[in-house]
Amino acid sequence: MWYVYVLLCEDNSLYTGISPDPQKRFLDHKNGKGGAYTRSHKPLKIIYLEKADSRSAALKRELEIKGWSREEKIHLLQLNLDPLPPGKRDD
């Protein structure tokens, strides 16, 4: 299983990436071992996670999200924050 993730950075910017282990990858970013962007824009937290069935599916989705405007990304995050009706949750 792969994941697409979005990080909120200290300067309020958003960083999108993929990983089979987003928590570990987040720690890599926080410790300066992630992408060049997050070395100069310190990540604060993961604000979005989306499952993908394969690395190639995750890459495709990552590129799609990276092509969006900030407003489109924020809309995705807002949709993700809306509570699901009973019976629609994964738990």
N, C-alpha and C. Protein backbone atom coordinates (compact mmCIF):
# COMPACT_ATOMS: atom_id res chain seq x y z
N MET A 1 0.85 -1.19 0.00
CA MET A 1 0.00 0.00 0.00
C MET A 1 0.89 1.24 0.00
N TRP A 2 0.55 2.19 -0.83
CA TRP A 2 1.23 3.48 -0.91
C TRP A 2 0.25 4.57 -0.51
N TYR A 3 0.82 5.71 -0.14
CA TYR A 3 0.02 6.86 0.28
C TYR A 3 0.51 8.12 -0.40
N VAL A 4 -0.44 8.99 -0.71
CA VAL A 4 -0.15 10.37 -1.10
C VAL A 4 -0.39 11.19 0.16
N TYR A 5 0.55 12.07 0.49
CA TYR A 5 0.40 12.88 1.70
C TYR A 5 0.63 14.34 1.38
N VAL A 6 0.04 15.19 2.20
CA VAL A 6 0.27 16.64 2.11
C VAL A 6 0.73 17.10 3.48
N LEU A 7 1.84 17.82 3.50
CA LEU A 7 2.39 18.38 4.73
C LEU A 7 2.10 19.87 4.80
N LEU A 8 1.81 20.35 5.99
CA LEU A 8 1.75 21.78 6.26
C LEU A 8 3.11 22.19 6.77
N CYS A 9 3.70 23.22 6.16
CA CYS A 9 5.03 23.69 6.56
C CYS A 9 4.93 24.97 7.40
N GLU A 10 6.04 25.30 8.07
CA GLU A 10 6.06 26.46 8.98
C GLU A 10 5.63 27.76 8.33
N ASP A 11 5.95 27.92 7.05
CA ASP A 11 5.59 29.16 6.35
C ASP A 11 4.18 29.10 5.75
N ASN A 12 3.40 28.09 6.18
CA ASN A 12 2.02 27.89 5.74
C ASN A 12 1.93 27.35 4.31
N SER A 13 3.06 26.92 3.75
CA SER A 13 3.04 26.30 2.43
C SER A 13 2.66 24.83 2.57
N LEU A 14 2.32 24.22 1.44
CA LEU A 14 1.91 22.82 1.41
C LEU A 14 2.91 22.03 0.57
N TYR A 15 3.26 20.85 1.04
CA TYR A 15 4.17 19.96 0.31
C TYR A 15 3.46 18.63 0.09
N THR A 16 3.47 18.15 -1.15
CA THR A 16 2.83 16.89 -1.50
C THR A 16 3.89 15.86 -1.86
N GLY A 17 3.72 14.64 -1.34
CA GLY A 17 4.65 13.56 -1.63
C GLY A 17 3.96 12.21 -1.55
N ILE A 18 4.76 11.14 -1.76
CA ILE A 18 4.23 9.78 -1.65
C ILE A 18 5.18 8.94 -0.82
N SER A 19 4.62 7.89 -0.21
CA SER A 19 5.44 6.98 0.59
C SER A 19 4.61 5.76 0.98
N PRO A 20 5.27 4.60 1.15
CA PRO A 20 4.56 3.47 1.72
C PRO A 20 4.39 3.61 3.24
N ASP A 21 5.17 4.50 3.84
CA ASP A 21 5.12 4.74 5.29
C ASP A 21 5.17 6.25 5.54
N PRO A 22 4.02 6.93 5.45
CA PRO A 22 4.02 8.40 5.54
C PRO A 22 4.52 8.95 6.87
N GLN A 23 4.31 8.24 7.97
CA GLN A 23 4.80 8.72 9.28
C GLN A 23 6.33 8.74 9.29
N LYS A 24 6.95 7.67 8.79
CA LYS A 24 8.41 7.61 8.72
C LYS A 24 8.93 8.70 7.77
N ARG A 25 8.26 8.85 6.64
CA ARG A 25 8.70 9.86 5.68
C ARG A 25 8.57 11.26 6.26
N PHE A 26 7.51 11.51 7.03
CA PHE A 26 7.34 12.80 7.70
C PHE A 26 8.53 13.07 8.62
N LEU A 27 8.93 12.07 9.40
CA LEU A 27 10.10 12.24 10.28
C LEU A 27 11.37 12.50 9.48
N ASP A 28 11.51 11.83 8.33
CA ASP A 28 12.65 12.12 7.45
C ASP A 28 12.65 13.59 7.04
N HIS A 29 11.49 14.08 6.63
CA HIS A 29 11.37 15.49 6.24
C HIS A 29 11.73 16.41 7.42
N LYS A 30 11.20 16.11 8.60
CA LYS A 30 11.47 16.94 9.78
C LYS A 30 12.96 16.95 10.14
N ASN A 31 13.64 15.83 9.88
CA ASN A 31 15.06 15.72 10.22
C ASN A 31 15.98 16.12 9.08
N GLY A 32 15.44 16.77 8.05
CA GLY A 32 16.26 17.27 6.95
C GLY A 32 16.70 16.20 5.97
N LYS A 33 16.07 15.03 6.01
CA LYS A 33 16.45 13.93 5.11
C LYS A 33 15.42 13.71 4.02
N GLY A 34 14.46 14.61 3.91
CA GLY A 34 13.42 14.49 2.89
C GLY A 34 13.81 15.25 1.64
N GLY A 35 12.82 15.77 0.96
CA GLY A 35 13.07 16.54 -0.25
C GLY A 35 13.73 17.88 0.04
N ALA A 36 14.32 18.45 -0.99
CA ALA A 36 15.01 19.74 -0.85
C ALA A 36 14.05 20.82 -0.35
N TYR A 37 12.80 20.76 -0.80
CA TYR A 37 11.82 21.77 -0.40
C TYR A 37 11.64 21.80 1.11
N THR A 38 11.52 20.63 1.72
CA THR A 38 11.24 20.59 3.16
C THR A 38 12.49 20.85 4.00
N ARG A 39 13.64 20.90 3.38
CA ARG A 39 14.83 21.31 4.14
C ARG A 39 14.80 22.81 4.40
N SER A 40 14.18 23.56 3.50
CA SER A 40 14.10 25.01 3.69
C SER A 40 12.71 25.49 4.13
N HIS A 41 11.73 24.60 4.08
CA HIS A 41 10.36 24.90 4.53
C HIS A 41 9.98 23.80 5.51
N LYS A 42 10.29 24.00 6.77
CA LYS A 42 10.15 22.95 7.79
C LYS A 42 8.70 22.47 7.92
N PRO A 43 8.50 21.15 7.81
CA PRO A 43 7.14 20.62 7.94
C PRO A 43 6.67 20.59 9.39
N LEU A 44 5.39 20.89 9.59
CA LEU A 44 4.78 20.88 10.92
C LEU A 44 3.99 19.60 11.17
N LYS A 45 3.19 19.20 10.18
CA LYS A 45 2.36 18.02 10.37
C LYS A 45 1.80 17.53 9.04
N ILE A 46 1.37 16.28 9.06
CA ILE A 46 0.66 15.70 7.92
C ILE A 46 -0.79 16.17 8.03
N ILE A 47 -1.29 16.78 6.96
CA ILE A 47 -2.67 17.26 7.01
C ILE A 47 -3.60 16.52 6.05
N TYR A 48 -3.03 15.63 5.23
CA TYR A 48 -3.86 14.85 4.31
C TYR A 48 -3.15 13.55 3.98
N LEU A 49 -3.90 12.45 3.97
CA LEU A 49 -3.43 11.14 3.55
C LEU A 49 -4.46 10.52 2.62
N GLU A 50 -3.96 9.91 1.56
CA GLU A 50 -4.85 9.22 0.62
C GLU A 50 -4.18 7.91 0.23
N LYS A 51 -4.90 6.81 0.35
CA LYS A 51 -4.36 5.49 -0.02
C LYS A 51 -4.31 5.34 -1.53
N ALA A 52 -3.28 4.63 -1.99
CA ALA A 52 -3.17 4.26 -3.40
C ALA A 52 -2.81 2.78 -3.47
N ASP A 53 -3.29 2.10 -4.48
CA ASP A 53 -3.06 0.66 -4.60
C ASP A 53 -1.64 0.29 -5.01
N SER A 54 -0.93 1.23 -5.64
CA SER A 54 0.42 0.94 -6.12
C SER A 54 1.25 2.22 -6.13
N ARG A 55 2.56 2.05 -6.29
CA ARG A 55 3.45 3.21 -6.37
C ARG A 55 3.09 4.06 -7.59
N SER A 56 2.81 3.40 -8.71
CA SER A 56 2.49 4.16 -9.92
C SER A 56 1.19 4.94 -9.76
N ALA A 57 0.20 4.37 -9.08
CA ALA A 57 -1.05 5.10 -8.83
C ALA A 57 -0.80 6.29 -7.91
N ALA A 58 0.05 6.09 -6.90
CA ALA A 58 0.38 7.19 -5.98
C ALA A 58 1.12 8.31 -6.72
N LEU A 59 2.07 7.94 -7.58
CA LEU A 59 2.81 8.95 -8.35
C LEU A 59 1.87 9.75 -9.25
N LYS A 60 0.95 9.05 -9.89
CA LYS A 60 0.00 9.73 -10.78
C LYS A 60 -0.83 10.74 -9.99
N ARG A 61 -1.33 10.32 -8.84
CA ARG A 61 -2.15 11.21 -8.00
C ARG A 61 -1.32 12.36 -7.46
N GLU A 62 -0.06 12.08 -7.04
CA GLU A 62 0.83 13.13 -6.54
C GLU A 62 1.01 14.21 -7.60
N LEU A 63 1.29 13.79 -8.82
CA LEU A 63 1.49 14.76 -9.90
C LEU A 63 0.22 15.56 -10.17
N GLU A 64 -0.92 14.90 -10.09
CA GLU A 64 -2.19 15.60 -10.27
C GLU A 64 -2.35 16.69 -9.21
N ILE A 65 -2.15 16.33 -7.94
CA ILE A 65 -2.32 17.29 -6.85
C ILE A 65 -1.28 18.40 -6.94
N LYS A 66 -0.04 18.06 -7.28
CA LYS A 66 1.00 19.09 -7.40
C LYS A 66 0.69 20.10 -8.49
N GLY A 67 -0.12 19.70 -9.47
CA GLY A 67 -0.51 20.61 -10.55
C GLY A 67 -1.64 21.55 -10.18
N TRP A 68 -2.24 21.33 -9.03
CA TRP A 68 -3.36 22.16 -8.60
C TRP A 68 -2.90 23.46 -7.97
N SER A 69 -3.80 24.43 -7.97
CA SER A 69 -3.56 25.68 -7.24
C SER A 69 -3.68 25.41 -5.74
N ARG A 70 -3.19 26.34 -4.95
CA ARG A 70 -3.32 26.22 -3.50
C ARG A 70 -4.80 26.11 -3.09
N GLU A 71 -5.65 26.89 -3.74
CA GLU A 71 -7.07 26.88 -3.42
C GLU A 71 -7.68 25.50 -3.68
N GLU A 72 -7.29 24.86 -4.78
CA GLU A 72 -7.79 23.52 -5.07
C GLU A 72 -7.32 22.51 -4.03
N LYS A 73 -6.07 22.64 -3.59
CA LYS A 73 -5.55 21.75 -2.55
C LYS A 73 -6.30 21.96 -1.24
N ILE A 74 -6.57 23.20 -0.89
CA ILE A 74 -7.30 23.49 0.34
C ILE A 74 -8.71 22.92 0.26
N HIS A 75 -9.33 22.99 -0.91
CA HIS A 75 -10.66 22.40 -1.08
C HIS A 75 -10.61 20.89 -0.84
N LEU A 76 -9.60 20.22 -1.35
CA LEU A 76 -9.43 18.79 -1.10
C LEU A 76 -9.30 18.52 0.39
N LEU A 77 -8.51 19.32 1.08
CA LEU A 77 -8.33 19.15 2.52
C LEU A 77 -9.64 19.36 3.26
N GLN A 78 -10.42 20.34 2.85
CA GLN A 78 -11.71 20.60 3.49
C GLN A 78 -12.68 19.45 3.28
N LEU A 79 -12.68 18.87 2.09
CA LEU A 79 -13.52 17.71 1.83
C LEU A 79 -13.13 16.55 2.74
N ASN A 80 -11.84 16.41 2.96
CA ASN A 80 -11.32 15.32 3.79
C ASN A 80 -11.69 15.53 5.26
N LEU A 81 -11.90 16.78 5.69
CA LEU A 81 -12.21 17.07 7.08
C LEU A 81 -13.69 16.92 7.40
N ASP A 82 -14.53 16.91 6.37
CA ASP A 82 -15.97 16.77 6.61
C ASP A 82 -16.25 15.39 7.19
N PRO A 83 -17.03 15.33 8.27
CA PRO A 83 -17.32 14.02 8.87
C PRO A 83 -18.14 13.15 7.92
N LEU A 84 -17.82 11.87 7.91
CA LEU A 84 -18.57 10.93 7.09
C LEU A 84 -19.84 10.50 7.82
N PRO A 85 -20.90 10.28 7.08
CA PRO A 85 -22.12 9.80 7.74
C PRO A 85 -21.91 8.39 8.28
N PRO A 86 -22.70 8.00 9.28
CA PRO A 86 -22.57 6.64 9.83
C PRO A 86 -22.65 5.59 8.73
N GLY A 87 -21.84 4.55 8.85
CA GLY A 87 -21.81 3.49 7.85
C GLY A 87 -20.85 3.74 6.72
N LYS A 88 -20.26 4.93 6.64
CA LYS A 88 -19.32 5.27 5.58
C LYS A 88 -17.88 5.34 6.10
N ARG A 89 -17.69 5.12 7.38
CA ARG A 89 -16.35 5.20 7.97
C ARG A 89 -15.60 3.90 7.74
N ASP A 90 -14.27 3.98 7.77
CA ASP A 90 -13.43 2.79 7.62
C ASP A 90 -13.36 1.96 8.88
N ASP A 91 -13.76 2.52 10.05
CA ASP A 91 -13.61 1.80 11.31
C ASP A 91 -14.74 0.86 11.60
